[in-house]
Amino acid sequence: MRLSINSLGMISSLGFGAIASCAAIRAGLSRPRECPSFTVLDPTVHELVPVVGRPIRGYTEGFSQTGLWLRLARGCVLDLLQQEGIPNASDTGFWRRTGLMVVLPSFESERFPNEKSASPEALYDALLQRLLTVLRLPLQRVHAEILALGHAGVITAVQQARRRMAATGLERLLVLAVDSYLDGPTLQWLAAARRLKAGDVPYGLIPGEAGACFMLETEASLRQRQLPPRVFVESTALGIEERHRFQQEPNNGMGLARVLQEALETASPGKPFQGDILCDLNGENWRARELGSAWVRARGQLGEDVRIIAPAESLGETGAASGAVGVCVAVRSLSRRYSRTGQVVLLSSAEPGQVGAMVLGRVDKA
């Protein structure tokens, strides 16, 4: 059963929609803004200065964490509902045959100390109930699930999609990912770990936020609705990076290299990959070391015409949403023929060590 991605939704600092956001990312645009509510010491002027981020101005002010995630979720789903072939909430038959997988940041880190006291089941249930209310779509709670896996959550959701759809009889899955690194507790967490690109830290990340979603659909479902498939999921691979961000030893990229090699071998056995690689590089040294080491280890499966694309250059660090942002950029690139070839690779690496790779291919690629 092949799965196609035809419909996208996104809200970001570059636009209230996937088409505008992806076009701006492709053009290399960004909208840096000062965040006056959070300051750091600038040693050059010996004064407190605001952190510079990539907020969604006029949309997310006044919201934090759960409330902010719900707002981002609603924004990107509203964009998806404007896409070709996606019916509104009145088509209950369509939505009751649609599952929902929500990707959120991991609650295991010190970023969310309060959430550790609650059971995951109770936390997820409360979030899902509120999310289903906010989305105002006739989705069934029994077919909704949360994956609190951070960066690697989207590829995990895609890998699990076939099994879930076969077990439940669903025809499609809405994969939704949201995150913000701009709320007060998260900025404090990042500053304490010296991860912000601010003050005397020149190699840190720029905090951003985004919500992105896409519809995974079977070919049979698309035929019933008289829609042609555009981009197929050709392969996925998941693994663990033993030397991850929260350990003291340097990251050697072994886990990322393994999933990259596995995904490429499954999608195009024996052929070197030519095309674009979308990754979550964000300005931090550990991510650059991980990708560089993985690149060297997988070099035999990579051709000469490979280009690295990092959406964080435009949007800042979008955390758990980065995977879905990457899918949106890849699908637009393939369907609009901006990509160098008919295939795009997506790489994701979560701070606690989960890593994933996914190959997307245009339907009519040579």
Protein backbone atom coordinates (compact mmCIF):
# COMPACT_ATOMS: atom_id res chain seq x y z
CA MET A 1 0.00 0.00 0.00
CA ARG A 2 1.64 3.18 -1.21
CA LEU A 3 0.83 6.43 0.54
CA SER A 4 0.62 9.76 -1.20
CA ILE A 5 0.95 13.29 0.17
CA ASN A 6 -1.22 15.71 -1.79
CA SER A 7 -2.50 18.28 0.71
CA LEU A 8 -0.50 20.54 3.03
CA GLY A 9 -1.11 23.18 5.67
CA MET A 10 1.29 25.49 7.47
CA ILE A 11 1.51 28.62 9.54
CA SER A 12 4.88 30.23 10.17
CA SER A 13 6.64 33.53 10.63
CA LEU A 14 6.86 33.75 6.82
CA GLY A 15 3.20 33.28 5.98
CA PHE A 16 -0.24 32.08 6.97
CA GLY A 17 -0.18 29.16 4.56
CA ALA A 18 2.02 26.38 3.17
CA ILE A 19 2.32 27.90 -0.30
CA ALA A 20 3.52 31.30 0.95
CA SER A 21 5.77 29.85 3.66
CA CYS A 22 7.47 27.35 1.36
CA ALA A 23 8.00 29.96 -1.35
CA ALA A 24 9.60 32.30 1.18
CA ILE A 25 11.85 29.54 2.52
CA ARG A 26 12.93 28.70 -1.02
CA ALA A 27 13.74 32.37 -1.58
CA GLY A 28 15.85 32.46 1.60
CA LEU A 29 13.67 35.03 3.36
CA SER A 30 13.36 35.48 7.13
CA ARG A 31 11.58 37.85 9.50
CA PRO A 32 13.69 38.32 12.63
CA ARG A 33 11.98 40.09 15.51
CA GLU A 34 13.11 41.12 18.94
CA CYS A 35 11.38 39.32 21.81
CA PRO A 36 11.17 42.10 24.45
CA SER A 37 9.76 39.77 27.11
CA PHE A 38 13.07 37.85 27.34
CA THR A 39 16.49 39.49 27.60
CA VAL A 40 20.09 38.29 27.84
CA LEU A 41 23.32 40.06 28.74
CA ASP A 42 25.24 41.38 25.75
CA PRO A 43 28.92 41.51 26.86
CA THR A 44 29.87 43.96 24.10
CA VAL A 45 27.62 46.73 25.47
CA HIS A 46 27.23 45.38 29.01
CA GLU A 47 23.47 45.68 28.81
CA LEU A 48 20.44 43.41 28.75
CA VAL A 49 19.14 43.08 25.19
CA PRO A 50 16.08 41.25 23.82
CA VAL A 51 16.55 37.84 22.25
CA VAL A 52 15.96 37.83 18.51
CA GLY A 53 13.60 35.12 17.25
CA ARG A 54 11.20 34.24 14.44
CA PRO A 55 7.74 34.72 16.02
CA ILE A 56 4.45 34.58 14.12
CA ARG A 57 3.65 38.18 14.68
CA GLY A 58 0.00 39.09 15.20
CA TYR A 59 -1.01 35.49 15.86
CA THR A 60 0.77 33.87 18.80
CA GLU A 61 1.23 36.79 21.20
CA GLY A 62 -0.30 36.10 24.60
CA PHE A 63 -0.31 32.31 24.24
CA SER A 64 2.09 29.80 25.79
CA GLN A 65 2.74 26.07 25.56
CA THR A 66 -0.56 24.13 25.36
CA GLY A 67 -2.63 27.15 24.36
CA LEU A 68 -0.02 28.11 21.79
CA TRP A 69 0.11 24.58 20.35
CA LEU A 70 -3.66 24.58 19.92
CA ARG A 71 -3.54 27.92 18.18
CA LEU A 72 -0.81 26.75 15.81
CA ALA A 73 -2.73 23.52 15.12
CA ARG A 74 -5.88 25.40 14.20
CA GLY A 75 -3.95 27.77 11.94
CA CYS A 76 -2.29 25.09 9.82
CA VAL A 77 -5.45 22.93 9.59
CA LEU A 78 -7.44 25.95 8.37
CA ASP A 79 -4.85 26.28 5.61
CA LEU A 80 -5.15 22.57 4.75
CA LEU A 81 -8.94 22.93 4.42
CA GLN A 82 -8.37 25.46 1.62
CA GLN A 83 -6.46 22.93 -0.49
CA GLU A 84 -7.88 21.11 -3.50
CA GLY A 85 -9.96 18.04 -2.69
CA ILE A 86 -10.22 18.59 1.08
CA PRO A 87 -13.89 18.86 2.13
CA ASN A 88 -15.09 20.95 5.05
CA ALA A 89 -16.51 19.67 8.33
CA SER A 90 -19.93 18.97 6.80
CA ASP A 91 -18.55 15.89 5.00
CA THR A 92 -18.69 13.59 8.02
CA GLY A 93 -18.06 10.48 5.92
CA PHE A 94 -14.69 11.81 4.79
CA TRP A 95 -13.51 12.85 8.25
CA ARG A 96 -14.73 9.71 10.03
CA ARG A 97 -12.48 7.69 7.73
CA THR A 98 -9.57 10.00 8.57
CA GLY A 99 -7.20 9.43 11.48
CA LEU A 100 -5.17 12.06 13.32
CA MET A 101 -1.59 11.82 14.53
CA VAL A 102 -0.36 14.83 16.51
CA VAL A 103 3.39 15.35 16.94
CA LEU A 104 4.47 17.36 19.99
CA PRO A 105 7.78 18.00 21.76
CA SER A 106 9.03 15.37 24.17
CA PHE A 107 7.89 15.93 27.75
CA GLU A 108 10.87 14.03 29.14
CA SER A 109 13.34 16.92 29.15
CA GLU A 110 13.78 19.72 31.68
CA ARG A 111 11.90 21.97 29.29
CA PHE A 112 8.60 20.75 30.79
CA PRO A 113 9.18 20.07 34.51
CA ASN A 114 5.49 20.36 35.43
CA GLU A 115 4.33 17.79 32.89
CA LYS A 116 6.50 15.06 34.45
CA SER A 117 4.14 14.79 37.41
CA ALA A 118 1.14 13.84 35.24
CA SER A 119 0.69 10.45 33.62
CA PRO A 120 1.25 10.48 29.86
CA GLU A 121 -2.18 8.94 29.27
CA ALA A 122 -4.01 11.66 31.21
CA LEU A 123 -1.93 14.41 29.60
CA TYR A 124 -2.44 13.15 26.06
CA ASP A 125 -6.17 12.58 26.57
CA ALA A 126 -6.68 16.12 27.86
CA LEU A 127 -4.69 17.59 24.97
CA LEU A 128 -6.51 15.54 22.34
CA GLN A 129 -9.94 16.43 23.66
CA ARG A 130 -9.10 20.12 23.53
CA LEU A 131 -7.51 19.80 20.11
CA LEU A 132 -10.51 18.03 18.59
CA THR A 133 -12.73 20.77 19.96
CA VAL A 134 -10.50 23.50 18.53
CA LEU A 135 -10.25 21.90 15.06
CA ARG A 136 -14.05 21.61 14.73
CA LEU A 137 -13.82 18.57 12.47
CA PRO A 138 -15.81 15.34 12.91
CA LEU A 139 -12.67 13.32 13.66
CA GLN A 140 -13.15 10.38 16.01
CA ARG A 141 -11.25 10.34 19.28
CA VAL A 142 -10.54 6.61 18.93
CA HIS A 143 -8.57 7.34 15.75
CA ALA A 144 -6.51 10.18 17.23
CA GLU A 145 -3.07 9.76 18.79
CA ILE A 146 -0.27 11.91 20.21
CA LEU A 147 3.42 11.25 19.54
CA ALA A 148 5.47 13.35 21.95
CA LEU A 149 8.77 12.63 20.20
CA GLY A 150 10.02 16.05 19.14
CA HIS A 151 11.96 16.29 15.89
CA ALA A 152 11.67 12.59 15.01
CA GLY A 153 7.92 12.41 15.60
CA VAL A 154 6.78 13.15 12.05
CA ILE A 155 8.85 10.39 10.43
CA THR A 156 7.67 8.03 13.18
CA ALA A 157 4.07 8.94 12.38
CA VAL A 158 4.60 8.26 8.68
CA GLN A 159 6.24 4.91 9.38
CA GLN A 160 3.36 3.86 11.62
CA ALA A 161 0.71 5.06 9.17
CA ARG A 162 0.41 1.91 7.06
CA ARG A 163 -0.02 -0.31 10.11
CA ARG A 164 -2.59 1.99 11.67
CA MET A 165 -4.59 2.34 8.48
CA ALA A 166 -4.58 -1.41 7.82
CA ALA A 167 -5.67 -2.16 11.40
CA THR A 168 -8.47 0.41 11.55
CA GLY A 169 -9.73 0.58 7.96
CA LEU A 170 -8.92 4.29 7.73
CA GLU A 171 -8.37 5.71 4.25
CA ARG A 172 -6.13 8.58 5.25
CA LEU A 173 -4.22 10.13 8.15
CA LEU A 174 -3.82 13.78 9.01
CA VAL A 175 -0.32 14.25 10.46
CA LEU A 176 -0.09 17.46 12.47
CA ALA A 177 2.99 18.88 14.20
CA VAL A 178 3.30 22.03 16.31
CA ASP A 179 5.94 23.59 18.53
CA SER A 180 7.29 26.92 19.71
CA TYR A 181 10.68 27.76 21.19
CA LEU A 182 9.50 31.28 22.03
CA ASP A 183 7.52 30.84 25.24
CA GLY A 184 9.11 32.01 28.49
CA PRO A 185 9.92 28.62 30.10
CA THR A 186 11.47 27.30 26.88
CA LEU A 187 13.62 30.41 26.40
CA GLN A 188 14.78 30.13 30.02
CA TRP A 189 15.63 26.46 29.48
CA LEU A 190 17.60 27.27 26.33
CA ALA A 191 19.42 30.21 27.93
CA ALA A 192 20.43 28.14 30.96
CA ALA A 193 22.00 25.56 28.63
CA ARG A 194 23.69 28.33 26.56
CA ARG A 195 21.89 27.20 23.43
CA LEU A 196 20.47 30.56 22.31
CA LYS A 197 22.32 32.54 19.65
CA ALA A 198 22.52 35.62 21.84
CA GLY A 199 24.93 37.49 24.07
CA ASP A 200 28.29 35.71 24.00
CA VAL A 201 26.97 32.54 22.29
CA PRO A 202 27.56 32.96 18.51
CA TYR A 203 26.86 29.32 17.58
CA GLY A 204 23.43 28.80 19.15
CA LEU A 205 19.94 28.48 17.74
CA ILE A 206 17.44 31.18 16.85
CA PRO A 207 14.07 30.34 18.45
CA GLY A 208 11.09 30.02 16.14
CA GLU A 209 7.63 28.51 16.01
CA ALA A 210 5.41 26.83 13.45
CA GLY A 211 2.48 24.55 12.86
CA ALA A 212 2.44 22.26 9.83
CA CYS A 213 0.29 19.36 8.67
CA PHE A 214 -0.19 17.07 5.69
CA MET A 215 -2.60 14.36 4.58
CA LEU A 216 -1.30 10.83 4.04
CA GLU A 217 -3.68 9.04 1.72
CA THR A 218 -3.99 5.71 -0.08
CA GLU A 219 -4.11 5.58 -3.86
CA ALA A 220 -7.56 3.97 -3.67
CA SER A 221 -8.91 6.90 -1.68
CA LEU A 222 -7.49 9.39 -4.16
CA ARG A 223 -9.06 7.51 -7.09
CA GLN A 224 -12.45 7.58 -5.40
CA ARG A 225 -12.18 11.35 -5.15
CA GLN A 226 -10.81 11.60 -8.71
CA LEU A 227 -7.53 13.15 -7.60
CA PRO A 228 -4.14 12.13 -9.03
CA PRO A 229 -1.32 11.29 -6.59
CA ARG A 230 1.52 13.80 -6.56
CA VAL A 231 4.23 12.69 -4.13
CA PHE A 232 4.73 9.21 -2.70
CA VAL A 233 6.45 8.13 0.51
CA GLU A 234 9.12 5.81 -0.87
CA SER A 235 10.83 4.76 2.37
CA THR A 236 11.26 5.55 6.06
CA ALA A 237 13.84 4.49 8.62
CA LEU A 238 14.11 5.09 12.37
CA GLY A 239 16.96 4.60 14.81
CA ILE A 240 18.76 5.84 17.92
CA GLU A 241 21.76 8.12 18.20
CA GLU A 242 23.56 6.74 21.24
CA ARG A 243 25.64 9.90 21.74
CA HIS A 244 22.82 12.41 21.69
CA ARG A 245 22.51 16.07 22.71
CA PHE A 246 22.00 15.42 26.42
CA GLN A 247 25.13 13.29 26.82
CA GLN A 248 28.67 14.46 27.44
CA GLU A 249 30.36 12.48 24.65
CA PRO A 250 30.63 14.04 21.14
CA ASN A 251 27.96 13.00 18.67
CA ASN A 252 29.51 10.78 15.99
CA GLY A 253 26.47 10.61 13.68
CA MET A 254 26.35 6.80 13.58
CA GLY A 255 22.61 6.58 14.21
CA LEU A 256 21.77 9.24 11.64
CA ALA A 257 24.07 7.60 9.07
CA ARG A 258 22.37 4.22 9.57
CA VAL A 259 18.85 5.52 8.99
CA LEU A 260 19.98 7.57 5.99
CA GLN A 261 21.64 4.53 4.43
CA GLU A 262 18.63 2.31 5.15
CA ALA A 263 16.13 4.77 3.66
CA LEU A 264 18.23 5.30 0.52
CA GLU A 265 18.81 1.58 -0.02
CA THR A 266 15.08 0.85 0.29
CA ALA A 267 14.04 3.67 -2.05
CA SER A 268 16.72 3.22 -4.74
CA PRO A 269 18.76 0.04 -4.25
CA GLY A 270 22.30 0.30 -5.58
CA LYS A 271 21.89 3.85 -6.90
CA PRO A 272 23.65 6.90 -5.44
CA PHE A 273 21.20 9.56 -4.31
CA GLN A 274 21.06 12.76 -6.32
CA GLY A 275 18.90 15.63 -5.08
CA ASP A 276 17.99 17.66 -2.03
CA ILE A 277 18.39 16.69 1.62
CA LEU A 278 16.17 18.60 4.03
CA CYS A 279 17.52 18.58 7.57
CA ASP A 280 17.08 20.27 10.94
CA LEU A 281 20.41 22.11 11.12
CA ASN A 282 19.77 25.10 13.37
CA GLY A 283 23.11 26.74 14.13
CA GLU A 284 24.12 24.51 17.04
CA ASN A 285 27.48 22.79 16.84
CA TRP A 286 26.20 19.38 17.89
CA ARG A 287 23.78 19.22 14.96
CA ALA A 288 26.49 20.26 12.50
CA ARG A 289 28.86 17.59 13.89
CA GLU A 290 26.14 14.93 13.71
CA LEU A 291 25.21 15.67 10.10
CA GLY A 292 28.84 16.04 9.02
CA SER A 293 29.79 12.70 10.56
CA ALA A 294 26.72 10.99 9.07
CA TRP A 295 27.56 12.46 5.66
CA VAL A 296 31.05 10.96 5.76
CA ARG A 297 29.72 7.55 6.84
CA ALA A 298 27.03 7.48 4.11
CA ARG A 299 29.18 9.07 1.42
CA GLY A 300 29.19 5.96 -0.76
CA GLN A 301 25.42 6.22 -1.27
CA LEU A 302 25.42 9.95 -2.03
CA GLY A 303 26.05 11.33 -5.51
CA GLU A 304 27.83 14.52 -6.44
CA ASP A 305 24.67 16.57 -7.04
CA VAL A 306 23.35 16.76 -3.47
CA ARG A 307 22.16 19.97 -1.85
CA ILE A 308 21.50 20.56 1.86
CA ILE A 309 18.42 22.64 2.74
CA ALA A 310 17.81 23.81 6.32
CA PRO A 311 14.42 25.54 6.82
CA ALA A 312 15.64 26.77 10.23
CA GLU A 313 17.74 29.35 8.37
CA SER A 314 14.45 31.10 7.60
CA LEU A 315 12.08 30.01 10.40
CA GLY A 316 14.47 29.50 13.30
CA GLU A 317 14.27 26.35 15.44
CA THR A 318 10.72 24.98 15.19
CA GLY A 319 11.27 21.84 17.27
CA ALA A 320 8.67 19.11 16.83
CA ALA A 321 7.15 21.01 13.88
CA SER A 322 10.41 20.87 11.91
CA GLY A 323 9.65 17.47 10.38
CA ALA A 324 6.24 18.54 9.06
CA VAL A 325 7.74 21.82 7.82
CA GLY A 326 10.32 19.74 5.95
CA VAL A 327 7.58 17.58 4.40
CA CYS A 328 5.73 20.69 3.21
CA VAL A 329 8.91 22.15 1.68
CA ALA A 330 9.76 18.81 0.03
CA VAL A 331 6.28 18.23 -1.42
CA ARG A 332 6.07 21.76 -2.81
CA SER A 333 9.57 21.41 -4.24
CA LEU A 334 8.73 18.12 -5.93
CA SER A 335 5.29 19.06 -7.22
CA ARG A 336 6.52 22.44 -8.52
CA ARG A 337 9.72 20.84 -9.89
CA TYR A 338 12.05 23.05 -7.90
CA SER A 339 13.95 20.02 -6.62
CA ARG A 340 17.06 18.95 -8.49
CA THR A 341 15.67 15.47 -9.10
CA GLY A 342 12.45 13.55 -8.49
CA GLN A 343 13.47 12.54 -4.96
CA VAL A 344 13.97 14.43 -1.71
CA VAL A 345 15.37 13.07 1.57
CA LEU A 346 14.16 14.33 4.94
CA LEU A 347 16.43 13.87 7.98
CA SER A 348 15.32 14.46 11.58
CA SER A 349 17.26 14.20 14.81
CA ALA A 350 15.65 14.63 18.22
CA GLU A 351 17.64 15.93 21.17
CA PRO A 352 17.13 12.74 23.26
CA GLY A 353 18.56 10.59 20.43
CA GLN A 354 15.71 9.45 18.16
CA VAL A 355 16.68 9.86 14.51
CA GLY A 356 14.78 9.29 11.29
CA ALA A 357 15.11 9.46 7.52
CA MET A 358 12.41 9.52 4.85
CA VAL A 359 12.56 9.54 1.05
CA LEU A 360 9.78 11.29 -0.87
CA GLY A 361 9.44 10.83 -4.62
CA ARG A 362 7.52 12.61 -7.33
CA VAL A 363 5.04 10.32 -9.06
CA ASP A 364 6.43 10.90 -12.55
CA LYS A 365 10.12 11.01 -11.69
CA ALA A 366 12.45 9.64 -14.33
